[in-house]
Amino acid sequence: MNYFELLLPDFLLIACGFLVCRYTALDRALWEQIDRLVYFLLFPVLLFYSIVRSPLDLQAASGLMAGGLLLAATGIGLSYALPHLPLIGRRIDRRAHAAGAQIGFRFNSFVGLALAERLAGAQGLLLIAVLIGTCVPLFNTAAVWPMARHSQRHLGRELLTNPLILATACGLVLNLLGFRIPAWLEPDAAFITGARQTAGCVPDCHQTPAAAAGRVGPDEIARA
């Protein structure tokens, strides 16, 4: 199996987005608005749709979910342990670390979804959706906490208003309750998720107001 060919389409799209954002009239002002659209609508719909579209067997998926949570917790712990390590800890700025620690544990869900579907088809897509649904709330909580603390924002408010956490939680609850998206809504949901996967490959070339204010905003989407 040629892994280079599997990854090439996604990285070509990322490179294309970078060139368009950097060297054309479609510059930062436009992409800031696209980032907001992705963050508040397209990505939440993608998470919700990926979780709800297939029945979730908790007993069968428990091992996968436990493994994902364990790996996620390990990555979070290692990332936030850096300022407390001997020798290198005192050289790390605490505020800069609070903003950048999430790089150590968040993953690119777009690339993950694309690769899972190419490698394992519908079954692989279901499994990665379960991992996203299980780990995204933990990742987002861990990412929001230090920025909310350093920006003197209320952590509970940040979590309760985070659209990615809300979409994931709603998707998991409704899946377990047996809810399924009506067939007549399937095309629209698929169209929105496809738009998110394309827009999500545009690289971050600016800092949005939400991120500057200390929220987990569009600049962090590509890694979760």
N, C-alpha and C. Protein backbone atom coordinates (compact mmCIF):
# COMPACT_ATOMS: atom_id res chain seq x y z
N MET A 1 0.84 -1.19 0.00
CA MET A 1 0.00 0.00 0.00
C MET A 1 0.88 1.25 0.00
N ASN A 2 0.61 2.18 -0.90
CA ASN A 2 1.41 3.38 -1.03
C ASN A 2 0.80 4.48 -0.15
N TYR A 3 1.40 4.71 1.02
CA TYR A 3 0.87 5.70 1.95
C TYR A 3 1.06 7.12 1.41
N PHE A 4 2.09 7.32 0.60
CA PHE A 4 2.30 8.64 0.01
C PHE A 4 1.11 9.04 -0.86
N GLU A 5 0.61 8.10 -1.65
CA GLU A 5 -0.53 8.39 -2.51
C GLU A 5 -1.79 8.61 -1.69
N LEU A 6 -1.89 7.94 -0.54
CA LEU A 6 -3.06 8.15 0.31
C LEU A 6 -3.08 9.56 0.90
N LEU A 7 -1.91 10.06 1.27
CA LEU A 7 -1.83 11.37 1.92
C LEU A 7 -1.72 12.52 0.93
N LEU A 8 -1.28 12.23 -0.29
CA LEU A 8 -1.01 13.30 -1.25
C LEU A 8 -2.21 14.20 -1.52
N PRO A 9 -3.43 13.68 -1.76
CA PRO A 9 -4.55 14.59 -2.04
C PRO A 9 -4.81 15.59 -0.91
N ASP A 10 -4.71 15.15 0.34
CA ASP A 10 -4.98 16.05 1.46
C ASP A 10 -3.91 17.14 1.56
N PHE A 11 -2.65 16.76 1.40
CA PHE A 11 -1.59 17.74 1.52
C PHE A 11 -1.56 18.69 0.32
N LEU A 12 -1.97 18.22 -0.85
CA LEU A 12 -2.09 19.12 -1.99
C LEU A 12 -3.18 20.15 -1.75
N LEU A 13 -4.27 19.73 -1.13
CA LEU A 13 -5.35 20.67 -0.82
C LEU A 13 -4.89 21.68 0.22
N ILE A 14 -4.13 21.23 1.22
CA ILE A 14 -3.58 22.15 2.22
C ILE A 14 -2.65 23.16 1.56
N ALA A 15 -1.77 22.68 0.69
CA ALA A 15 -0.84 23.58 0.00
C ALA A 15 -1.59 24.57 -0.88
N CYS A 16 -2.64 24.10 -1.55
CA CYS A 16 -3.45 24.99 -2.38
C CYS A 16 -4.10 26.08 -1.54
N GLY A 17 -4.64 25.69 -0.38
CA GLY A 17 -5.25 26.68 0.51
C GLY A 17 -4.25 27.71 0.99
N PHE A 18 -3.03 27.27 1.30
CA PHE A 18 -1.99 28.19 1.74
C PHE A 18 -1.66 29.20 0.65
N LEU A 19 -1.49 28.72 -0.58
CA LEU A 19 -1.13 29.61 -1.67
C LEU A 19 -2.24 30.62 -1.96
N VAL A 20 -3.49 30.15 -1.93
CA VAL A 20 -4.62 31.05 -2.17
C VAL A 20 -4.70 32.11 -1.08
N CYS A 21 -4.53 31.69 0.17
CA CYS A 21 -4.63 32.61 1.30
C CYS A 21 -3.48 33.61 1.31
N ARG A 22 -2.30 33.16 0.92
CA ARG A 22 -1.10 33.99 1.06
C ARG A 22 -0.85 34.91 -0.12
N TYR A 23 -1.21 34.46 -1.34
CA TYR A 23 -0.75 35.18 -2.52
C TYR A 23 -1.86 35.67 -3.44
N THR A 24 -3.11 35.60 -3.02
CA THR A 24 -4.20 36.10 -3.86
C THR A 24 -5.02 37.12 -3.10
N ALA A 25 -6.00 37.69 -3.80
CA ALA A 25 -6.87 38.66 -3.16
C ALA A 25 -7.78 38.02 -2.12
N LEU A 26 -7.90 36.68 -2.14
CA LEU A 26 -8.69 35.97 -1.13
C LEU A 26 -7.82 35.80 0.11
N ASP A 27 -7.64 36.90 0.84
CA ASP A 27 -6.64 36.92 1.90
C ASP A 27 -7.27 36.70 3.27
N ARG A 28 -6.62 37.20 4.31
CA ARG A 28 -7.00 36.89 5.68
C ARG A 28 -8.42 37.33 6.03
N ALA A 29 -8.83 38.48 5.52
CA ALA A 29 -10.16 38.97 5.87
C ALA A 29 -11.24 37.97 5.46
N LEU A 30 -11.08 37.37 4.29
CA LEU A 30 -12.06 36.38 3.83
C LEU A 30 -11.97 35.10 4.65
N TRP A 31 -10.74 34.61 4.92
CA TRP A 31 -10.59 33.34 5.61
C TRP A 31 -11.02 33.42 7.06
N GLU A 32 -10.97 34.61 7.65
CA GLU A 32 -11.49 34.75 9.01
C GLU A 32 -12.97 34.40 9.06
N GLN A 33 -13.71 34.86 8.06
CA GLN A 33 -15.14 34.56 8.01
C GLN A 33 -15.38 33.08 7.71
N ILE A 34 -14.55 32.49 6.84
CA ILE A 34 -14.67 31.06 6.56
C ILE A 34 -14.37 30.25 7.81
N ASP A 35 -13.35 30.67 8.58
CA ASP A 35 -13.03 29.99 9.83
C ASP A 35 -14.22 29.98 10.77
N ARG A 36 -14.90 31.11 10.87
CA ARG A 36 -16.07 31.19 11.75
C ARG A 36 -17.17 30.25 11.28
N LEU A 37 -17.37 30.19 9.97
CA LEU A 37 -18.38 29.28 9.41
C LEU A 37 -18.04 27.83 9.74
N VAL A 38 -16.76 27.47 9.59
CA VAL A 38 -16.33 26.11 9.90
C VAL A 38 -16.52 25.81 11.38
N TYR A 39 -16.09 26.75 12.21
CA TYR A 39 -16.09 26.51 13.66
C TYR A 39 -17.50 26.43 14.25
N PHE A 40 -18.39 27.32 13.82
CA PHE A 40 -19.71 27.39 14.43
C PHE A 40 -20.78 26.56 13.72
N LEU A 41 -20.52 26.12 12.49
CA LEU A 41 -21.55 25.36 11.77
C LEU A 41 -21.01 24.06 11.16
N LEU A 42 -20.03 24.16 10.26
CA LEU A 42 -19.65 23.00 9.46
C LEU A 42 -19.04 21.89 10.29
N PHE A 43 -18.09 22.21 11.17
CA PHE A 43 -17.44 21.16 11.95
C PHE A 43 -18.39 20.55 12.98
N PRO A 44 -19.20 21.34 13.71
CA PRO A 44 -20.18 20.71 14.60
C PRO A 44 -21.13 19.77 13.88
N VAL A 45 -21.59 20.15 12.70
CA VAL A 45 -22.46 19.27 11.93
C VAL A 45 -21.73 17.99 11.54
N LEU A 46 -20.45 18.11 11.15
CA LEU A 46 -19.66 16.93 10.80
C LEU A 46 -19.55 15.98 11.98
N LEU A 47 -19.24 16.49 13.16
CA LEU A 47 -19.13 15.64 14.35
C LEU A 47 -20.47 14.97 14.67
N PHE A 48 -21.52 15.76 14.68
CA PHE A 48 -22.85 15.23 15.00
C PHE A 48 -23.26 14.16 14.00
N TYR A 49 -23.07 14.45 12.72
CA TYR A 49 -23.49 13.51 11.67
C TYR A 49 -22.67 12.23 11.71
N SER A 50 -21.36 12.35 11.95
CA SER A 50 -20.50 11.16 11.98
C SER A 50 -20.87 10.24 13.13
N ILE A 51 -21.33 10.80 14.24
CA ILE A 51 -21.68 9.99 15.41
C ILE A 51 -23.08 9.38 15.27
N VAL A 52 -24.02 10.15 14.76
CA VAL A 52 -25.42 9.73 14.74
C VAL A 52 -25.73 8.78 13.58
N ARG A 53 -24.97 8.87 12.51
CA ARG A 53 -25.34 8.15 11.29
C ARG A 53 -25.29 6.64 11.43
N SER A 54 -24.49 6.10 12.36
CA SER A 54 -24.37 4.65 12.52
C SER A 54 -24.64 4.26 13.97
N PRO A 55 -25.35 3.15 14.20
CA PRO A 55 -25.61 2.71 15.57
C PRO A 55 -24.30 2.45 16.32
N LEU A 56 -24.28 2.84 17.57
CA LEU A 56 -23.08 2.68 18.39
C LEU A 56 -23.33 1.59 19.42
N ASP A 57 -22.57 0.50 19.31
CA ASP A 57 -22.63 -0.59 20.27
C ASP A 57 -21.59 -0.33 21.34
N LEU A 58 -22.03 0.12 22.50
CA LEU A 58 -21.09 0.50 23.55
C LEU A 58 -20.23 -0.67 24.00
N GLN A 59 -20.81 -1.86 24.08
CA GLN A 59 -20.05 -3.01 24.55
C GLN A 59 -18.94 -3.37 23.56
N ALA A 60 -19.26 -3.35 22.27
CA ALA A 60 -18.27 -3.69 21.26
C ALA A 60 -17.22 -2.61 21.10
N ALA A 61 -17.63 -1.35 21.30
CA ALA A 61 -16.71 -0.24 21.09
C ALA A 61 -16.00 0.20 22.36
N SER A 62 -16.29 -0.45 23.49
CA SER A 62 -15.74 0.00 24.76
C SER A 62 -14.21 -0.07 24.78
N GLY A 63 -13.64 -1.13 24.20
CA GLY A 63 -12.18 -1.26 24.18
C GLY A 63 -11.53 -0.14 23.37
N LEU A 64 -12.12 0.16 22.20
CA LEU A 64 -11.61 1.24 21.36
C LEU A 64 -11.72 2.58 22.07
N MET A 65 -12.85 2.82 22.71
CA MET A 65 -13.06 4.09 23.40
C MET A 65 -12.11 4.23 24.59
N ALA A 66 -11.92 3.13 25.34
CA ALA A 66 -11.01 3.18 26.49
C ALA A 66 -9.57 3.43 26.03
N GLY A 67 -9.16 2.77 24.94
CA GLY A 67 -7.82 2.99 24.41
C GLY A 67 -7.61 4.42 23.94
N GLY A 68 -8.64 4.97 23.27
CA GLY A 68 -8.54 6.35 22.81
C GLY A 68 -8.45 7.33 23.96
N LEU A 69 -9.27 7.11 24.98
CA LEU A 69 -9.24 8.01 26.15
C LEU A 69 -7.92 7.90 26.90
N LEU A 70 -7.38 6.69 27.01
CA LEU A 70 -6.10 6.51 27.69
C LEU A 70 -4.98 7.22 26.93
N LEU A 71 -4.96 7.06 25.61
CA LEU A 71 -3.95 7.73 24.81
C LEU A 71 -4.12 9.25 24.88
N ALA A 72 -5.38 9.70 24.85
CA ALA A 72 -5.64 11.14 24.94
C ALA A 72 -5.17 11.70 26.27
N ALA A 73 -5.49 11.01 27.36
CA ALA A 73 -5.08 11.48 28.68
C ALA A 73 -3.56 11.50 28.82
N THR A 74 -2.89 10.51 28.22
CA THR A 74 -1.43 10.47 28.27
C THR A 74 -0.83 11.66 27.54
N GLY A 75 -1.36 11.95 26.34
CA GLY A 75 -0.86 13.09 25.59
C GLY A 75 -1.10 14.41 26.30
N ILE A 76 -2.28 14.55 26.90
CA ILE A 76 -2.59 15.77 27.65
C ILE A 76 -1.66 15.93 28.85
N GLY A 77 -1.46 14.83 29.57
CA GLY A 77 -0.59 14.88 30.74
C GLY A 77 0.84 15.25 30.39
N LEU A 78 1.37 14.66 29.31
CA LEU A 78 2.73 14.97 28.90
C LEU A 78 2.85 16.42 28.44
N SER A 79 1.84 16.92 27.73
CA SER A 79 1.90 18.30 27.24
C SER A 79 1.92 19.30 28.39
N TYR A 80 1.06 19.09 29.38
CA TYR A 80 0.97 20.04 30.48
C TYR A 80 2.03 19.82 31.55
N ALA A 81 2.78 18.72 31.44
CA ALA A 81 3.86 18.48 32.40
C ALA A 81 5.13 19.25 32.04
N LEU A 82 5.24 19.73 30.81
CA LEU A 82 6.47 20.35 30.36
C LEU A 82 6.96 21.50 31.26
N PRO A 83 6.11 22.44 31.67
CA PRO A 83 6.63 23.55 32.49
C PRO A 83 7.11 23.10 33.87
N HIS A 84 6.78 21.89 34.28
CA HIS A 84 7.14 21.40 35.61
C HIS A 84 8.35 20.47 35.57
N LEU A 85 8.89 20.22 34.39
CA LEU A 85 10.05 19.35 34.28
C LEU A 85 11.33 20.09 34.67
N PRO A 86 12.28 19.39 35.25
CA PRO A 86 13.54 20.04 35.60
C PRO A 86 14.30 20.47 34.34
N LEU A 87 15.11 21.49 34.47
CA LEU A 87 15.96 22.04 33.43
C LEU A 87 15.18 22.83 32.38
N ILE A 88 14.23 22.18 31.68
CA ILE A 88 13.53 22.89 30.60
C ILE A 88 12.31 23.66 31.10
N GLY A 89 11.76 23.27 32.25
CA GLY A 89 10.53 23.89 32.73
C GLY A 89 10.66 25.38 32.97
N ARG A 90 11.77 25.81 33.53
CA ARG A 90 11.93 27.23 33.86
C ARG A 90 12.16 28.10 32.63
N ARG A 91 12.44 27.47 31.49
CA ARG A 91 12.66 28.21 30.25
C ARG A 91 11.37 28.40 29.46
N ILE A 92 10.28 27.83 29.94
CA ILE A 92 9.01 27.88 29.20
C ILE A 92 8.12 28.98 29.78
N ASP A 93 7.68 29.88 28.91
CA ASP A 93 6.74 30.92 29.32
C ASP A 93 5.37 30.29 29.56
N ARG A 94 4.78 30.55 30.72
CA ARG A 94 3.53 29.87 31.09
C ARG A 94 2.36 30.26 30.17
N ARG A 95 2.27 31.52 29.82
CA ARG A 95 1.16 31.93 28.95
C ARG A 95 1.33 31.37 27.54
N ALA A 96 2.55 31.38 27.03
CA ALA A 96 2.79 30.80 25.70
C ALA A 96 2.51 29.29 25.73
N HIS A 97 2.88 28.64 26.83
CA HIS A 97 2.62 27.21 26.94
C HIS A 97 1.13 26.93 27.00
N ALA A 98 0.37 27.77 27.71
CA ALA A 98 -1.08 27.57 27.82
C ALA A 98 -1.74 27.64 26.45
N ALA A 99 -1.22 28.51 25.57
CA ALA A 99 -1.81 28.65 24.23
C ALA A 99 -1.34 27.56 23.28
N GLY A 100 -0.14 27.00 23.50
CA GLY A 100 0.41 26.06 22.54
C GLY A 100 0.46 24.62 22.97
N ALA A 101 0.11 24.33 24.23
CA ALA A 101 0.22 22.95 24.73
C ALA A 101 -0.68 21.99 23.97
N GLN A 102 -1.80 22.48 23.45
CA GLN A 102 -2.74 21.60 22.76
C GLN A 102 -2.16 21.00 21.49
N ILE A 103 -1.09 21.60 20.96
CA ILE A 103 -0.46 21.04 19.77
C ILE A 103 0.05 19.62 20.06
N GLY A 104 0.36 19.35 21.32
CA GLY A 104 0.91 18.06 21.67
C GLY A 104 -0.11 16.94 21.73
N PHE A 105 -1.41 17.25 21.76
CA PHE A 105 -2.38 16.17 21.89
C PHE A 105 -3.56 16.24 20.93
N ARG A 106 -3.76 17.34 20.25
CA ARG A 106 -4.88 17.39 19.31
C ARG A 106 -4.45 16.82 17.97
N PHE A 107 -5.41 16.24 17.26
CA PHE A 107 -5.10 15.60 15.99
C PHE A 107 -5.93 16.23 14.87
N ASN A 108 -5.51 16.02 13.65
CA ASN A 108 -6.20 16.57 12.50
C ASN A 108 -7.33 15.63 12.10
N SER A 109 -8.53 15.98 12.47
CA SER A 109 -9.67 15.10 12.23
C SER A 109 -9.98 14.95 10.74
N PHE A 110 -9.70 16.00 9.97
CA PHE A 110 -9.96 15.91 8.53
C PHE A 110 -9.12 14.80 7.90
N VAL A 111 -7.81 14.83 8.17
CA VAL A 111 -6.93 13.80 7.61
C VAL A 111 -7.30 12.43 8.16
N GLY A 112 -7.66 12.37 9.45
CA GLY A 112 -8.06 11.10 10.04
C GLY A 112 -9.29 10.51 9.38
N LEU A 113 -10.31 11.33 9.15
CA LEU A 113 -11.52 10.85 8.49
C LEU A 113 -11.24 10.40 7.06
N ALA A 114 -10.45 11.19 6.34
CA ALA A 114 -10.16 10.85 4.95
C ALA A 114 -9.37 9.55 4.86
N LEU A 115 -8.36 9.39 5.69
CA LEU A 115 -7.54 8.18 5.64
C LEU A 115 -8.33 6.95 6.09
N ALA A 116 -9.15 7.10 7.14
CA ALA A 116 -9.92 5.96 7.62
C ALA A 116 -10.86 5.44 6.55
N GLU A 117 -11.48 6.34 5.81
CA GLU A 117 -12.41 5.92 4.75
C GLU A 117 -11.66 5.24 3.61
N ARG A 118 -10.48 5.75 3.27
CA ARG A 118 -9.72 5.16 2.16
C ARG A 118 -9.13 3.81 2.54
N LEU A 119 -8.72 3.67 3.79
CA LEU A 119 -8.07 2.44 4.22
C LEU A 119 -9.05 1.33 4.57
N ALA A 120 -10.18 1.70 5.22
CA ALA A 120 -11.08 0.67 5.74
C ALA A 120 -12.54 0.87 5.37
N GLY A 121 -12.81 1.81 4.47
CA GLY A 121 -14.19 1.99 4.02
C GLY A 121 -15.12 2.51 5.10
N ALA A 122 -16.39 2.09 5.01
CA ALA A 122 -17.41 2.57 5.93
C ALA A 122 -17.12 2.16 7.38
N GLN A 123 -16.57 0.95 7.56
CA GLN A 123 -16.26 0.49 8.91
C GLN A 123 -15.17 1.36 9.54
N GLY A 124 -14.16 1.71 8.76
CA GLY A 124 -13.11 2.58 9.28
C GLY A 124 -13.64 3.95 9.61
N LEU A 125 -14.56 4.46 8.78
CA LEU A 125 -15.16 5.76 9.05
C LEU A 125 -15.96 5.75 10.35
N LEU A 126 -16.67 4.65 10.59
CA LEU A 126 -17.43 4.53 11.84
C LEU A 126 -16.48 4.52 13.04
N LEU A 127 -15.38 3.78 12.94
CA LEU A 127 -14.45 3.68 14.07
C LEU A 127 -13.79 5.02 14.38
N ILE A 128 -13.36 5.75 13.35
CA ILE A 128 -12.74 7.05 13.60
C ILE A 128 -13.77 8.03 14.14
N ALA A 129 -15.04 7.88 13.71
CA ALA A 129 -16.08 8.75 14.25
C ALA A 129 -16.30 8.48 15.74
N VAL A 130 -16.22 7.21 16.13
CA VAL A 130 -16.34 6.87 17.54
C VAL A 130 -15.19 7.49 18.33
N LEU A 131 -13.97 7.42 17.78
CA LEU A 131 -12.82 8.02 18.46
C LEU A 131 -12.96 9.53 18.57
N ILE A 132 -13.42 10.15 17.48
CA ILE A 132 -13.62 11.60 17.52
C ILE A 132 -14.67 11.95 18.55
N GLY A 133 -15.78 11.22 18.53
CA GLY A 133 -16.85 11.51 19.49
C GLY A 133 -16.43 11.28 20.93
N THR A 134 -15.51 10.33 21.15
CA THR A 134 -15.06 10.03 22.50
C THR A 134 -13.99 10.99 22.99
N CYS A 135 -13.05 11.32 22.11
CA CYS A 135 -11.87 12.07 22.53
C CYS A 135 -12.00 13.58 22.39
N VAL A 136 -12.82 14.06 21.43
CA VAL A 136 -12.92 15.50 21.21
C VAL A 136 -13.37 16.26 22.46
N PRO A 137 -14.38 15.78 23.21
CA PRO A 137 -14.74 16.52 24.42
C PRO A 137 -13.58 16.64 25.41
N LEU A 138 -12.81 15.56 25.57
CA LEU A 138 -11.66 15.61 26.48
C LEU A 138 -10.59 16.55 25.96
N PHE A 139 -10.29 16.48 24.67
CA PHE A 139 -9.29 17.37 24.09
C PHE A 139 -9.71 18.83 24.20
N ASN A 140 -10.97 19.10 23.88
CA ASN A 140 -11.43 20.49 23.92
C ASN A 140 -11.47 21.02 25.35
N THR A 141 -11.86 20.16 26.28
CA THR A 141 -11.86 20.59 27.69
C THR A 141 -10.43 20.92 28.14
N ALA A 142 -9.48 20.05 27.77
CA ALA A 142 -8.09 20.29 28.16
C ALA A 142 -7.53 21.52 27.48
N ALA A 143 -7.97 21.81 26.26
CA ALA A 143 -7.47 22.98 25.54
C ALA A 143 -8.10 24.27 26.06
N VAL A 144 -9.38 24.22 26.42
CA VAL A 144 -10.07 25.42 26.89
C VAL A 144 -9.60 25.82 28.28
N TRP A 145 -9.33 24.86 29.13
CA TRP A 145 -9.05 25.14 30.54
C TRP A 145 -7.91 26.13 30.76
N PRO A 146 -6.69 25.92 30.20
CA PRO A 146 -5.61 26.87 30.50
C PRO A 146 -5.84 28.24 29.91
N MET A 147 -6.44 28.31 28.70
CA MET A 147 -6.68 29.61 28.08
C MET A 147 -7.76 30.37 28.82
N ALA A 148 -8.78 29.67 29.27
CA ALA A 148 -9.82 30.33 30.06
C ALA A 148 -9.25 30.82 31.39
N ARG A 149 -8.35 30.04 31.98
CA ARG A 149 -7.77 30.42 33.25
C ARG A 149 -6.86 31.64 33.11
N HIS A 150 -6.03 31.66 32.07
CA HIS A 150 -5.10 32.78 31.89
C HIS A 150 -5.80 34.03 31.38
N SER A 151 -6.93 33.89 30.70
CA SER A 151 -7.65 35.06 30.22
C SER A 151 -8.73 35.48 31.21
N GLN A 152 -8.76 34.83 32.38
CA GLN A 152 -9.71 35.15 33.45
C GLN A 152 -11.16 34.97 33.00
N ARG A 153 -11.38 33.96 32.19
CA ARG A 153 -12.73 33.61 31.76
C ARG A 153 -13.23 32.44 32.58
N HIS A 154 -14.53 32.29 32.63
CA HIS A 154 -15.13 31.22 33.41
C HIS A 154 -15.08 29.93 32.61
N LEU A 155 -14.43 28.90 33.16
CA LEU A 155 -14.24 27.65 32.43
C LEU A 155 -15.56 27.00 32.05
N GLY A 156 -16.51 26.96 32.99
CA GLY A 156 -17.79 26.35 32.69
C GLY A 156 -18.50 27.02 31.54
N ARG A 157 -18.44 28.33 31.47
CA ARG A 157 -19.07 29.05 30.37
C ARG A 157 -18.40 28.72 29.05
N GLU A 158 -17.06 28.63 29.06
CA GLU A 158 -16.33 28.30 27.84
C GLU A 158 -16.72 26.91 27.32
N LEU A 159 -16.86 25.96 28.24
CA LEU A 159 -17.19 24.60 27.83
C LEU A 159 -18.64 24.51 27.34
N LEU A 160 -19.55 25.17 28.04
CA LEU A 160 -20.96 25.07 27.70
C LEU A 160 -21.30 25.79 26.39
N THR A 161 -20.45 26.73 25.98
CA THR A 161 -20.70 27.46 24.73
C THR A 161 -19.79 27.01 23.60
N ASN A 162 -18.99 25.97 23.83
CA ASN A 162 -18.11 25.47 22.77
C ASN A 162 -18.93 24.61 21.82
N PRO A 163 -19.06 25.02 20.55
CA PRO A 163 -19.93 24.28 19.62
C PRO A 163 -19.46 22.87 19.34
N LEU A 164 -18.16 22.62 19.40
CA LEU A 164 -17.66 21.27 19.13
C LEU A 164 -18.02 20.31 20.26
N ILE A 165 -17.91 20.79 21.49
CA ILE A 165 -18.30 19.97 22.63
C ILE A 165 -19.80 19.72 22.63
N LEU A 166 -20.58 20.75 22.34
CA LEU A 166 -22.03 20.61 22.31
C LEU A 166 -22.47 19.62 21.24
N ALA A 167 -21.88 19.71 20.05
CA ALA A 167 -22.25 18.81 18.96
C ALA A 167 -21.89 17.37 19.30
N THR A 168 -20.72 17.17 19.89
CA THR A 168 -20.29 15.82 20.23
C THR A 168 -21.17 15.21 21.31
N ALA A 169 -21.45 15.98 22.35
CA ALA A 169 -22.28 15.47 23.44
C ALA A 169 -23.69 15.14 22.95
N CYS A 170 -24.26 16.02 22.15
CA CYS A 170 -25.61 15.78 21.62
C CYS A 170 -25.62 14.55 20.72
N GLY A 171 -24.59 14.39 19.89
CA GLY A 171 -24.53 13.24 19.02
C GLY A 171 -24.45 11.93 19.78
N LEU A 172 -23.62 11.88 20.82
CA LEU A 172 -23.48 10.66 21.62
C LEU A 172 -24.78 10.31 22.33
N VAL A 173 -25.41 11.32 22.94
CA VAL A 173 -26.66 11.07 23.67
C VAL A 173 -27.75 10.58 22.73
N LEU A 174 -27.92 11.26 21.60
CA LEU A 174 -28.98 10.89 20.66
C LEU A 174 -28.70 9.54 20.02
N ASN A 175 -27.43 9.22 19.79
CA ASN A 175 -27.10 7.90 19.24
C ASN A 175 -27.51 6.80 20.20
N LEU A 176 -27.19 6.98 21.47
CA LEU A 176 -27.54 5.98 22.47
C LEU A 176 -29.05 5.88 22.66
N LEU A 177 -29.77 6.97 22.39
CA LEU A 177 -31.23 6.95 22.50
C LEU A 177 -31.90 6.39 21.25
N GLY A 178 -31.08 6.07 20.23
CA GLY A 178 -31.63 5.47 19.02
C GLY A 178 -32.04 6.44 17.94
N PHE A 179 -31.68 7.71 18.10
CA PHE A 179 -32.05 8.70 17.09
C PHE A 179 -31.26 8.49 15.81
N ARG A 180 -31.91 8.64 14.66
CA ARG A 180 -31.25 8.58 13.37
C ARG A 180 -31.70 9.76 12.53
N ILE A 181 -30.79 10.30 11.73
CA ILE A 181 -31.13 11.41 10.86
C ILE A 181 -32.10 10.93 9.79
N PRO A 182 -33.22 11.62 9.58
CA PRO A 182 -34.18 11.21 8.55
C PRO A 182 -33.53 11.14 7.18
N ALA A 183 -34.02 10.22 6.37
CA ALA A 183 -33.42 10.01 5.05
C ALA A 183 -33.46 11.27 4.20
N TRP A 184 -34.51 12.08 4.36
CA TRP A 184 -34.61 13.28 3.53
C TRP A 184 -33.61 14.36 3.95
N LEU A 185 -33.01 14.22 5.14
CA LEU A 185 -31.99 15.17 5.58
C LEU A 185 -30.57 14.68 5.31
N GLU A 186 -30.42 13.42 4.95
CA GLU A 186 -29.10 12.85 4.72
C GLU A 186 -28.29 13.61 3.66
N PRO A 187 -28.88 13.94 2.49
CA PRO A 187 -28.08 14.66 1.48
C PRO A 187 -27.56 16.01 1.97
N ASP A 188 -28.40 16.74 2.72
CA ASP A 188 -27.96 18.04 3.22
C ASP A 188 -26.84 17.89 4.23
N ALA A 189 -26.98 16.90 5.13
CA ALA A 189 -25.94 16.67 6.13
C ALA A 189 -24.63 16.27 5.46
N ALA A 190 -24.71 15.40 4.46
CA ALA A 190 -23.51 14.97 3.75
C ALA A 190 -22.86 16.14 3.01
N PHE A 191 -23.68 17.02 2.45
CA PHE A 191 -23.15 18.18 1.74
C PHE A 191 -22.40 19.11 2.69
N ILE A 192 -22.98 19.35 3.88
CA ILE A 192 -22.34 20.23 4.86
C ILE A 192 -21.04 19.63 5.35
N THR A 193 -21.03 18.34 5.64
CA THR A 193 -19.80 17.72 6.12
C THR A 193 -18.71 17.72 5.04
N GLY A 194 -19.12 17.55 3.78
CA GLY A 194 -18.14 17.63 2.70
C GLY A 194 -17.54 19.02 2.57
N ALA A 195 -18.39 20.04 2.75
CA ALA A 195 -17.88 21.42 2.71
C ALA A 195 -16.90 21.66 3.85
N ARG A 196 -17.17 21.09 5.01
CA ARG A 196 -16.27 21.27 6.15
C ARG A 196 -14.93 20.62 5.88
N GLN A 197 -14.93 19.43 5.28
CA GLN A 197 -13.68 18.72 5.03
C GLN A 197 -12.81 19.49 4.05
N THR A 198 -13.43 20.18 3.09
CA THR A 198 -12.66 20.99 2.15
C THR A 198 -12.15 22.25 2.81
N ALA A 199 -13.04 22.98 3.49
CA ALA A 199 -12.64 24.23 4.13
C ALA A 199 -11.67 23.99 5.27
N GLY A 200 -11.77 22.83 5.92
CA GLY A 200 -10.90 22.54 7.05
C GLY A 200 -9.46 22.33 6.66
N CYS A 201 -9.17 22.16 5.38
CA CYS A 201 -7.79 21.95 4.95
C CYS A 201 -7.07 23.26 4.68
N VAL A 202 -7.80 24.38 4.74
CA VAL A 202 -7.13 25.66 4.55
C VAL A 202 -6.28 25.93 5.78
N PRO A 203 -4.98 26.15 5.63
CA PRO A 203 -4.11 26.33 6.78
C PRO A 203 -4.38 27.63 7.49
N ASP A 204 -4.04 27.68 8.77
CA ASP A 204 -4.23 28.89 9.56
C ASP A 204 -3.17 29.90 9.20
N CYS A 205 -3.58 31.04 8.68
CA CYS A 205 -2.61 32.08 8.31
C CYS A 205 -2.89 33.36 9.08
N HIS A 206 -3.65 33.27 10.15
CA HIS A 206 -3.94 34.45 10.96
C HIS A 206 -4.43 33.99 12.31
N GLN A 207 -4.62 34.95 13.20
CA GLN A 207 -5.22 34.66 14.50
C GLN A 207 -6.57 35.34 14.55
N THR A 208 -7.60 34.57 14.83
CA THR A 208 -8.95 35.11 14.85
C THR A 208 -9.23 35.81 16.16
N PRO A 209 -10.25 36.68 16.19
CA PRO A 209 -10.59 37.35 17.44
C PRO A 209 -10.91 36.38 18.56
N ALA A 210 -11.56 35.26 18.24
CA ALA A 210 -11.91 34.30 19.29
C ALA A 210 -10.67 33.73 19.94
N ALA A 211 -9.67 33.38 19.11
CA ALA A 211 -8.45 32.82 19.67
C ALA A 211 -7.67 33.87 20.44
N ALA A 212 -7.66 35.11 19.93
CA ALA A 212 -6.93 36.16 20.62
C ALA A 212 -7.54 36.45 21.98
N ALA A 213 -8.85 36.23 22.11
CA ALA A 213 -9.52 36.49 23.38
C ALA A 213 -9.38 35.35 24.35
N GLY A 214 -8.75 34.25 23.90
CA GLY A 214 -8.51 33.13 24.81
C GLY A 214 -9.48 32.00 24.65
N ARG A 215 -10.31 32.05 23.63
CA ARG A 215 -11.25 30.95 23.40
C ARG A 215 -10.62 29.93 22.47
N VAL A 216 -11.12 28.71 22.54
CA VAL A 216 -10.70 27.71 21.56
C VAL A 216 -11.55 27.97 20.32
N GLY A 217 -10.98 28.63 19.36
CA GLY A 217 -11.74 29.06 18.22
C GLY A 217 -11.27 28.43 16.94
N PRO A 218 -11.56 29.08 15.82
CA PRO A 218 -11.27 28.50 14.51
C PRO A 218 -9.81 28.15 14.31
N ASP A 219 -8.86 28.85 14.92
CA ASP A 219 -7.47 28.53 14.71
C ASP A 219 -7.11 27.16 15.21
N GLU A 220 -7.92 26.60 16.11
CA GLU A 220 -7.59 25.29 16.69
C GLU A 220 -8.33 24.15 16.01
N ILE A 221 -9.22 24.47 15.08
CA ILE A 221 -10.08 23.43 14.51
C ILE A 221 -9.27 22.36 13.80
N ALA A 222 -8.29 22.79 13.06
CA ALA A 222 -7.58 21.83 12.22
C ALA A 222 -6.91 20.73 13.03
N ARG A 223 -6.75 20.93 14.32
CA ARG A 223 -6.07 19.91 15.12
C ARG A 223 -7.07 19.12 15.96
N ALA A 224 -8.46 19.24 15.74
CA ALA A 224 -9.36 18.46 16.50
C ALA A 224 -10.54 18.05 15.75
